[in-house]
Amino acid sequence: MPQAQIQLPGSVRFAALPPLALYAHLPWCVRKCPYCDFNSHEKTDALPEREYVEALVADLEGLLPSVWGRRVVSVFIGGGTPSLFAPESIDALLAAVRARVPLEPEAEITLEANPGTAEAGRFRGYRAAGVNRISLGVQSFDDARLKALGRIHTAGEARRAIEMAQAVFDNINLDIMYGLPEQTLAEAHADLRAALAFGTTHLSAYQLTLEPNTVFYSKPPHLPAHDVCADMQLAVEALAAEAGFEHYETSAFARPGRRCRHNLNYWEFGDYLGLGAGAHGKLSFADHVTRHERAKQPREYMAQAGTLQEKPVPPRELPFEFMLNALRLVQGVPAGYFEERTGLPRASVARKLAVAEEKGLLESDPRRIRPTRRGRLFLNELLQLFLE
């Protein structure tokens, strides 16, 4: 069915600004994994921790006029491998953040860690600095699969890292991948059961994909067939539900009350400050939305600390950007979020919502917009309906 063309307003209007989060990118890692397309750089010498933290703080100070008076609901320190930085550096960063922006009293503060760089003393130091959530990049508990992925840790080191983290933190995410080179369905089951057996609060389970500009993309490994990967996804959902986890986003599972607040803010189209090499951010103002980004190379970034590339987001692009995030959520979002988070009237996408419903990809009513089971399985088809 042809879609009716809707003329979107030339500007947006916000009755109230959305929640605000903060992301800090620490781009170094011990070794670049062959599947990784993140902005990460192999550590070849001593890290310039003090200089880099100073650059992050300069970035934050440059953004203060745009967010003055707004509270930060969560902080996420990602990478790279942020656990390469000493606890003292993380403490200096978080102290600088607290001194410049008001944090919510119970703000979620996450730090990503690699099991290959995990130390009990460091975990205690991160906790003392204010980190209250750890995300461990385990990926697999099978040494052969870890080797195929180019990971620097072993299955035994992954188990010890989880145990060390559990001695300090009560909010821990485990990253697990499936559809790995030569992986069987039984091996994927074993990985998931091993991860769930630790009883952590959150699980991120996602299929390995071959991304451009990676070693795996130019030299593809032998991956399981599509149908096998689909069975692996079904096993993830079934085993996580059996263990008491809620499936709340495409690849995210949480115990009740333990959803990742920082990532939820992305998916619900909130605002976020992006600090660090290659970091991106999004900010809403009374009548427009902007995106900002930083230089990708660490040295170039530090030399330009406090500067950023910023551009407004055309109103015609906001419906797709909103749906690109919101429709990853299994239960979708409150219907009012569209107007609240884009500043556009719901009438601007009413026809597209109707077409998505007619195709069986979406359920929409005055209270909620959510993808159907079919919509989650064919998410790209659903999202294309909202492209301008």
Protein backbone atom coordinates (compact mmCIF):
# COMPACT_ATOMS: atom_id res chain seq x y z
CA MET A 1 0.00 0.00 0.00
CA PRO A 2 1.51 3.40 -0.95
CA GLN A 3 2.23 5.68 1.97
CA ALA A 4 0.66 9.09 2.22
CA GLN A 5 3.27 11.86 2.24
CA ILE A 6 3.11 13.93 5.41
CA GLN A 7 4.64 17.40 5.52
CA LEU A 8 6.60 17.55 8.76
CA PRO A 9 6.91 20.83 10.66
CA GLY A 10 10.05 22.86 9.99
CA SER A 11 10.95 22.94 13.69
CA VAL A 12 10.18 21.08 16.88
CA ARG A 13 8.68 22.18 20.20
CA PHE A 14 9.47 20.59 23.54
CA ALA A 15 7.18 21.04 26.53
CA ALA A 16 9.93 19.50 28.69
CA LEU A 17 13.39 18.18 27.86
CA PRO A 18 14.06 14.41 28.00
CA PRO A 19 16.33 12.73 30.57
CA LEU A 20 20.08 13.34 30.21
CA ALA A 21 22.84 10.70 30.45
CA LEU A 22 26.63 10.90 30.05
CA TYR A 23 28.90 8.59 28.06
CA ALA A 24 32.71 8.66 28.34
CA HIS A 25 34.75 6.70 25.79
CA LEU A 26 38.13 5.25 26.74
CA PRO A 27 39.38 3.94 23.40
CA TRP A 28 42.38 1.74 24.23
CA CYS A 29 42.46 -2.06 24.42
CA VAL A 30 45.20 -4.68 24.70
CA ARG A 31 44.42 -6.10 21.26
CA LYS A 32 41.85 -5.25 18.62
CA CYS A 33 39.39 -8.12 18.17
CA PRO A 34 38.85 -9.16 14.53
CA TYR A 35 35.06 -8.63 14.75
CA CYS A 36 35.19 -5.22 16.47
CA ASP A 37 34.09 -2.10 14.57
CA PHE A 38 34.11 0.20 17.63
CA ASN A 39 36.52 3.13 17.81
CA SER A 40 39.22 1.23 19.70
CA HIS A 41 43.01 1.35 19.47
CA GLU A 42 45.62 -1.16 20.59
CA LYS A 43 47.69 -0.10 23.58
CA THR A 44 51.33 0.10 22.46
CA ASP A 45 52.82 2.08 25.35
CA ALA A 46 51.89 3.53 28.73
CA LEU A 47 48.45 5.10 28.54
CA PRO A 48 48.21 8.91 28.88
CA GLU A 49 45.60 8.54 31.61
CA ARG A 50 45.99 11.97 33.24
CA GLU A 51 46.02 13.83 29.92
CA TYR A 52 43.05 11.88 28.62
CA VAL A 53 40.95 12.49 31.74
CA GLU A 54 41.78 16.19 31.46
CA ALA A 55 40.54 16.13 27.86
CA LEU A 56 37.28 14.45 28.95
CA VAL A 57 36.77 17.15 31.57
CA ALA A 58 37.46 19.87 28.99
CA ASP A 59 34.81 18.28 26.76
CA LEU A 60 32.32 18.33 29.59
CA GLU A 61 33.05 21.95 30.43
CA GLY A 62 32.52 22.93 26.80
CA LEU A 63 29.03 21.38 26.91
CA LEU A 64 27.95 22.91 30.22
CA PRO A 65 26.17 25.94 28.68
CA SER A 66 23.97 23.53 26.70
CA VAL A 67 22.87 21.48 29.74
CA TRP A 68 22.97 23.98 32.58
CA GLY A 69 20.67 22.93 35.40
CA ARG A 70 19.84 19.52 33.92
CA ARG A 71 20.41 16.42 36.07
CA VAL A 72 22.39 13.44 34.77
CA VAL A 73 20.56 10.16 35.33
CA SER A 74 23.38 7.75 34.40
CA VAL A 75 27.06 7.57 33.49
CA PHE A 76 28.56 4.90 31.24
CA ILE A 77 32.33 4.50 30.82
CA GLY A 78 32.85 2.39 27.72
CA GLY A 79 35.55 1.52 25.25
CA GLY A 80 37.88 -0.02 24.25
CA THR A 81 38.73 -1.47 27.60
CA PRO A 82 38.11 1.11 30.35
CA SER A 83 39.47 -1.31 32.96
CA LEU A 84 42.95 -0.57 31.56
CA PHE A 85 42.66 2.76 33.39
CA ALA A 86 43.67 2.81 37.04
CA PRO A 87 40.96 3.31 39.68
CA GLU A 88 42.56 6.66 40.52
CA SER A 89 41.91 7.88 36.96
CA ILE A 90 38.28 6.75 37.09
CA ASP A 91 37.94 8.46 40.47
CA ALA A 92 39.36 11.72 39.03
CA LEU A 93 36.91 11.55 36.12
CA LEU A 94 33.85 10.89 38.26
CA ALA A 95 34.86 13.56 40.79
CA ALA A 96 35.13 16.07 37.94
CA VAL A 97 31.71 15.04 36.63
CA ARG A 98 30.10 15.46 40.07
CA ALA A 99 31.70 18.88 40.47
CA ARG A 100 30.24 20.14 37.18
CA VAL A 101 26.83 18.56 36.68
CA PRO A 102 24.21 17.41 39.20
CA LEU A 103 23.99 13.61 39.30
CA GLU A 104 20.78 11.92 40.38
CA PRO A 105 21.27 10.56 43.93
CA GLU A 106 20.91 6.96 42.74
CA ALA A 107 22.54 7.47 39.34
CA GLU A 108 23.64 4.27 37.61
CA ILE A 109 27.41 4.43 36.93
CA THR A 110 28.69 1.62 34.70
CA LEU A 111 32.23 0.68 33.74
CA GLU A 112 33.06 -1.88 31.07
CA ALA A 113 35.77 -4.40 31.95
CA ASN A 114 37.62 -7.14 30.11
CA PRO A 115 38.17 -10.41 32.03
CA GLY A 116 41.75 -10.40 30.74
CA THR A 117 42.51 -7.18 32.61
CA ALA A 118 40.47 -7.90 35.75
CA GLU A 119 42.06 -7.56 39.19
CA ALA A 120 40.28 -7.75 42.55
CA GLY A 121 42.08 -4.64 43.79
CA ARG A 122 40.97 -2.66 40.75
CA PHE A 123 37.34 -3.68 41.22
CA ARG A 124 37.48 -2.42 44.80
CA GLY A 125 39.04 0.82 43.59
CA TYR A 126 36.37 1.36 40.94
CA ARG A 127 33.66 0.77 43.53
CA ALA A 128 35.25 3.28 45.90
CA ALA A 129 35.35 5.80 43.04
CA GLY A 130 31.58 5.54 42.66
CA VAL A 131 31.13 2.90 39.96
CA ASN A 132 28.09 0.82 40.95
CA ARG A 133 27.65 -1.41 37.88
CA ILE A 134 30.21 -3.51 35.99
CA SER A 135 29.77 -4.85 32.46
CA LEU A 136 32.08 -7.80 31.70
CA GLY A 137 32.87 -8.71 28.09
CA VAL A 138 32.90 -12.49 28.56
CA GLN A 139 31.59 -13.44 25.05
CA SER A 140 32.08 -17.21 25.61
CA PHE A 141 33.13 -19.80 28.18
CA ASP A 142 34.70 -22.00 25.49
CA ASP A 143 38.46 -21.54 25.04
CA ALA A 144 38.35 -22.58 21.37
CA ARG A 145 35.62 -20.04 20.61
CA LEU A 146 37.45 -17.31 22.57
CA LYS A 147 40.59 -17.98 20.54
CA ALA A 148 38.61 -17.79 17.31
CA LEU A 149 37.26 -14.40 18.43
CA GLY A 150 40.74 -13.09 19.18
CA ARG A 151 39.93 -12.51 22.86
CA ILE A 152 42.86 -12.14 25.28
CA HIS A 153 41.22 -14.04 28.15
CA THR A 154 40.47 -17.71 28.77
CA ALA A 155 37.27 -19.29 30.05
CA GLY A 156 38.92 -19.77 33.46
CA GLU A 157 39.90 -16.09 33.61
CA ALA A 158 36.32 -15.14 32.71
CA ARG A 159 34.96 -17.18 35.60
CA ARG A 160 37.48 -15.70 38.04
CA ALA A 161 36.72 -12.16 36.83
CA ILE A 162 32.99 -12.67 37.44
CA GLU A 163 33.65 -14.01 40.93
CA MET A 164 35.95 -11.06 41.73
CA ALA A 165 33.32 -8.62 40.47
CA GLN A 166 30.58 -10.31 42.50
CA ALA A 167 32.64 -9.86 45.67
CA VAL A 168 32.44 -6.08 45.16
CA PHE A 169 29.38 -5.29 43.01
CA ASP A 170 25.76 -6.41 43.20
CA ASN A 171 24.88 -5.11 39.70
CA ILE A 172 26.79 -6.96 36.97
CA ASN A 173 26.16 -7.44 33.26
CA LEU A 174 27.69 -10.26 31.26
CA ASP A 175 28.15 -9.89 27.49
CA ILE A 176 27.71 -13.20 25.65
CA MET A 177 27.88 -13.76 21.90
CA TYR A 178 26.43 -16.58 19.81
CA GLY A 179 26.71 -17.57 16.17
CA LEU A 180 30.49 -17.79 16.67
CA PRO A 181 32.91 -19.38 14.18
CA GLU A 182 32.26 -23.15 14.03
CA GLN A 183 29.91 -22.94 17.04
CA THR A 184 27.25 -25.63 17.42
CA LEU A 185 23.82 -25.18 18.98
CA ALA A 186 24.90 -27.34 21.93
CA GLU A 187 27.95 -25.12 22.51
CA ALA A 188 25.79 -21.99 22.46
CA HIS A 189 23.47 -23.64 25.02
CA ALA A 190 26.46 -24.42 27.23
CA ASP A 191 27.70 -20.82 27.09
CA LEU A 192 24.30 -19.45 28.05
CA ARG A 193 23.82 -21.89 30.90
CA ALA A 194 27.29 -21.06 32.23
CA ALA A 195 26.54 -17.33 32.12
CA LEU A 196 23.15 -17.69 33.80
CA ALA A 197 24.56 -19.96 36.52
CA PHE A 198 26.45 -17.03 38.05
CA GLY A 199 23.16 -15.34 38.97
CA THR A 200 24.18 -11.85 37.83
CA THR A 201 21.58 -9.13 37.34
CA HIS A 202 21.84 -8.56 33.58
CA LEU A 203 22.72 -10.45 30.41
CA SER A 204 23.47 -9.01 26.97
CA ALA A 205 23.35 -11.79 24.39
CA TYR A 206 23.82 -10.95 20.75
CA GLN A 207 24.68 -12.66 17.50
CA LEU A 208 28.09 -12.17 15.94
CA THR A 209 27.74 -10.10 12.77
CA LEU A 210 30.40 -9.27 10.21
CA GLU A 211 30.77 -5.50 10.22
CA PRO A 212 32.57 -3.46 7.54
CA ASN A 213 36.11 -2.31 8.32
CA THR A 214 36.88 -5.38 10.44
CA VAL A 215 39.24 -8.30 9.88
CA PHE A 216 36.31 -10.73 9.90
CA TYR A 217 34.58 -8.73 7.16
CA SER A 218 37.59 -8.94 4.82
CA LYS A 219 38.42 -12.53 5.83
CA PRO A 220 35.10 -14.08 6.89
CA PRO A 221 35.27 -17.08 9.23
CA HIS A 222 32.92 -20.01 8.82
CA LEU A 223 29.79 -19.11 10.79
CA PRO A 224 26.77 -21.28 11.69
CA ALA A 225 23.91 -21.33 9.20
CA HIS A 226 21.15 -18.74 9.55
CA ASP A 227 18.63 -21.32 10.81
CA VAL A 228 21.07 -22.52 13.48
CA CYS A 229 21.61 -18.94 14.64
CA ALA A 230 17.85 -18.46 14.79
CA ASP A 231 17.62 -21.54 17.03
CA MET A 232 20.37 -20.06 19.20
CA GLN A 233 18.36 -16.86 19.59
CA LEU A 234 15.29 -18.85 20.63
CA ALA A 235 17.43 -20.75 23.14
CA VAL A 236 18.69 -17.46 24.60
CA GLU A 237 15.13 -16.26 25.14
CA ALA A 238 13.95 -19.56 26.62
CA LEU A 239 16.89 -20.11 28.96
CA ALA A 240 16.90 -16.50 30.17
CA ALA A 241 13.15 -16.64 30.91
CA GLU A 242 13.64 -19.94 32.75
CA ALA A 243 16.27 -18.22 34.92
CA GLY A 244 13.91 -15.36 35.81
CA PHE A 245 15.17 -12.73 33.37
CA GLU A 246 12.93 -10.27 31.52
CA HIS A 247 13.61 -9.95 27.80
CA TYR A 248 13.19 -6.20 27.43
CA GLU A 249 15.28 -5.27 24.39
CA THR A 250 16.46 -7.13 21.28
CA SER A 251 19.61 -8.43 22.97
CA ALA A 252 19.10 -7.41 26.62
CA PHE A 253 17.79 -9.50 29.52
CA ALA A 254 17.47 -8.35 33.12
CA ARG A 255 16.24 -9.51 36.48
CA PRO A 256 13.20 -7.52 37.67
CA GLY A 257 14.20 -3.94 38.49
CA ARG A 258 17.69 -4.35 37.02
CA ARG A 259 17.32 -3.08 33.46
CA CYS A 260 20.26 -1.01 32.26
CA ARG A 261 19.06 2.56 32.86
CA HIS A 262 21.74 4.08 30.67
CA ASN A 263 20.87 1.99 27.63
CA LEU A 264 17.16 2.47 28.27
CA ASN A 265 17.75 6.19 27.96
CA TYR A 266 19.15 5.62 24.45
CA TRP A 267 16.30 3.35 23.43
CA GLU A 268 13.68 5.74 24.81
CA PHE A 269 15.31 8.57 22.82
CA GLY A 270 16.67 10.51 25.75
CA ASP A 271 19.57 12.95 25.55
CA TYR A 272 23.21 12.11 26.23
CA LEU A 273 26.55 13.86 26.41
CA GLY A 274 29.32 12.14 24.44
CA LEU A 275 32.84 12.60 25.81
CA GLY A 276 36.02 11.05 24.47
CA ALA A 277 37.66 10.02 21.19
CA GLY A 278 35.00 9.28 18.58
CA ALA A 279 32.15 9.78 21.06
CA HIS A 280 28.73 10.94 19.84
CA GLY A 281 26.03 12.81 21.74
CA LYS A 282 22.50 14.12 21.31
CA LEU A 283 20.95 17.17 22.97
CA SER A 284 17.46 18.67 22.83
CA PHE A 285 16.69 22.35 23.17
CA ALA A 286 13.39 24.22 23.25
CA ASP A 287 12.98 24.20 19.48
CA HIS A 288 15.62 21.91 17.96
CA VAL A 289 17.76 18.78 18.45
CA THR A 290 21.51 18.60 17.83
CA ARG A 291 24.11 15.85 17.54
CA HIS A 292 27.76 16.24 18.39
CA GLU A 293 30.83 14.09 17.80
CA ARG A 294 34.54 14.10 18.60
CA ALA A 295 37.73 13.34 16.66
CA LYS A 296 38.34 9.58 16.53
CA GLN A 297 42.12 9.32 16.89
CA PRO A 298 43.12 9.63 20.58
CA ARG A 299 46.08 11.96 19.95
CA GLU A 300 44.07 14.20 17.65
CA TYR A 301 41.23 14.16 20.15
CA MET A 302 43.44 15.20 23.08
CA ALA A 303 45.00 17.98 20.99
CA GLN A 304 41.50 19.32 20.26
CA ALA A 305 40.04 18.81 23.74
CA GLY A 306 36.93 20.88 24.31
CA THR A 307 36.08 21.20 20.61
CA LEU A 308 33.37 19.27 18.83
CA GLN A 309 31.50 18.99 15.58
CA GLU A 310 27.86 19.85 16.15
CA LYS A 311 24.94 19.92 13.75
CA PRO A 312 21.17 20.19 14.05
CA VAL A 313 19.03 17.13 13.33
CA PRO A 314 16.43 18.02 10.65
CA PRO A 315 12.90 17.43 11.98
CA ARG A 316 12.18 15.10 9.04
CA GLU A 317 14.85 12.69 10.35
CA LEU A 318 13.58 12.53 13.93
CA PRO A 319 10.72 10.02 13.42
CA PHE A 320 13.09 7.41 11.99
CA GLU A 321 15.72 8.06 14.69
CA PHE A 322 13.08 7.72 17.39
CA MET A 323 11.73 4.45 15.98
CA LEU A 324 15.23 3.09 15.33
CA ASN A 325 15.73 3.12 19.09
CA ALA A 326 12.24 2.65 20.55
CA LEU A 327 11.30 -0.37 18.44
CA ARG A 328 14.25 -2.36 19.80
CA LEU A 329 12.32 -2.54 23.07
CA VAL A 330 10.16 -5.65 23.36
CA GLN A 331 7.33 -3.70 25.01
CA GLY A 332 7.98 -0.55 22.99
CA VAL A 333 7.46 2.84 24.63
CA PRO A 334 4.57 4.91 25.98
CA ALA A 335 2.82 6.52 23.01
CA GLY A 336 3.34 9.99 24.48
CA TYR A 337 7.11 9.59 24.21
CA PHE A 338 6.99 10.29 20.47
CA GLU A 339 5.78 13.86 20.97
CA GLU A 340 7.80 14.32 24.19
CA ARG A 341 11.11 13.11 22.76
CA THR A 342 10.91 14.38 19.14
CA GLY A 343 8.93 17.59 19.67
CA LEU A 344 6.71 16.57 16.73
CA PRO A 345 2.96 15.86 16.71
CA ARG A 346 1.97 12.20 16.54
CA ALA A 347 -0.12 13.10 13.47
CA SER A 348 3.16 13.44 11.56
CA VAL A 349 3.62 9.64 11.68
CA ALA A 350 -0.01 8.52 12.01
CA ARG A 351 -0.18 7.12 8.48
CA LYS A 352 3.11 5.26 8.85
CA LEU A 353 1.97 3.76 12.14
CA ALA A 354 -1.21 2.60 10.42
CA VAL A 355 0.71 0.97 7.57
CA ALA A 356 2.98 -0.82 10.07
CA GLU A 357 -0.11 -2.12 11.89
CA GLU A 358 -1.68 -3.29 8.64
CA LYS A 359 1.46 -5.28 7.89
CA GLY A 360 1.31 -6.91 11.32
CA LEU A 361 4.62 -5.35 12.40
CA LEU A 362 3.38 -2.94 15.04
CA GLU A 363 0.77 -2.53 17.75
CA SER A 364 -0.18 1.08 18.42
CA ASP A 365 -2.85 2.58 20.64
CA PRO A 366 -3.27 5.83 22.60
CA ARG A 367 -1.11 4.40 25.40
CA ARG A 368 1.74 2.48 23.77
CA ILE A 369 3.71 1.87 20.58
CA ARG A 370 5.28 -1.60 20.46
CA PRO A 371 6.59 -4.01 17.83
CA THR A 372 4.77 -7.30 17.37
CA ARG A 373 6.68 -10.58 17.48
CA ARG A 374 6.79 -10.41 13.67
CA GLY A 375 7.97 -6.79 13.89
CA ARG A 376 10.89 -7.82 16.13
CA LEU A 377 11.86 -10.60 13.73
CA PHE A 378 11.65 -8.27 10.71
CA LEU A 379 12.81 -5.09 12.40
CA ASN A 380 14.54 -3.65 9.32
CA GLU A 381 11.31 -3.96 7.32
CA LEU A 382 9.45 -2.18 10.11
CA LEU A 383 12.00 0.62 10.42
CA GLN A 384 12.04 1.26 6.66
CA LEU A 385 8.45 2.42 6.91
CA PHE A 386 9.62 5.41 8.92
CA LEU A 387 12.40 6.49 6.58
CA GLU A 388 11.72 9.89 5.06
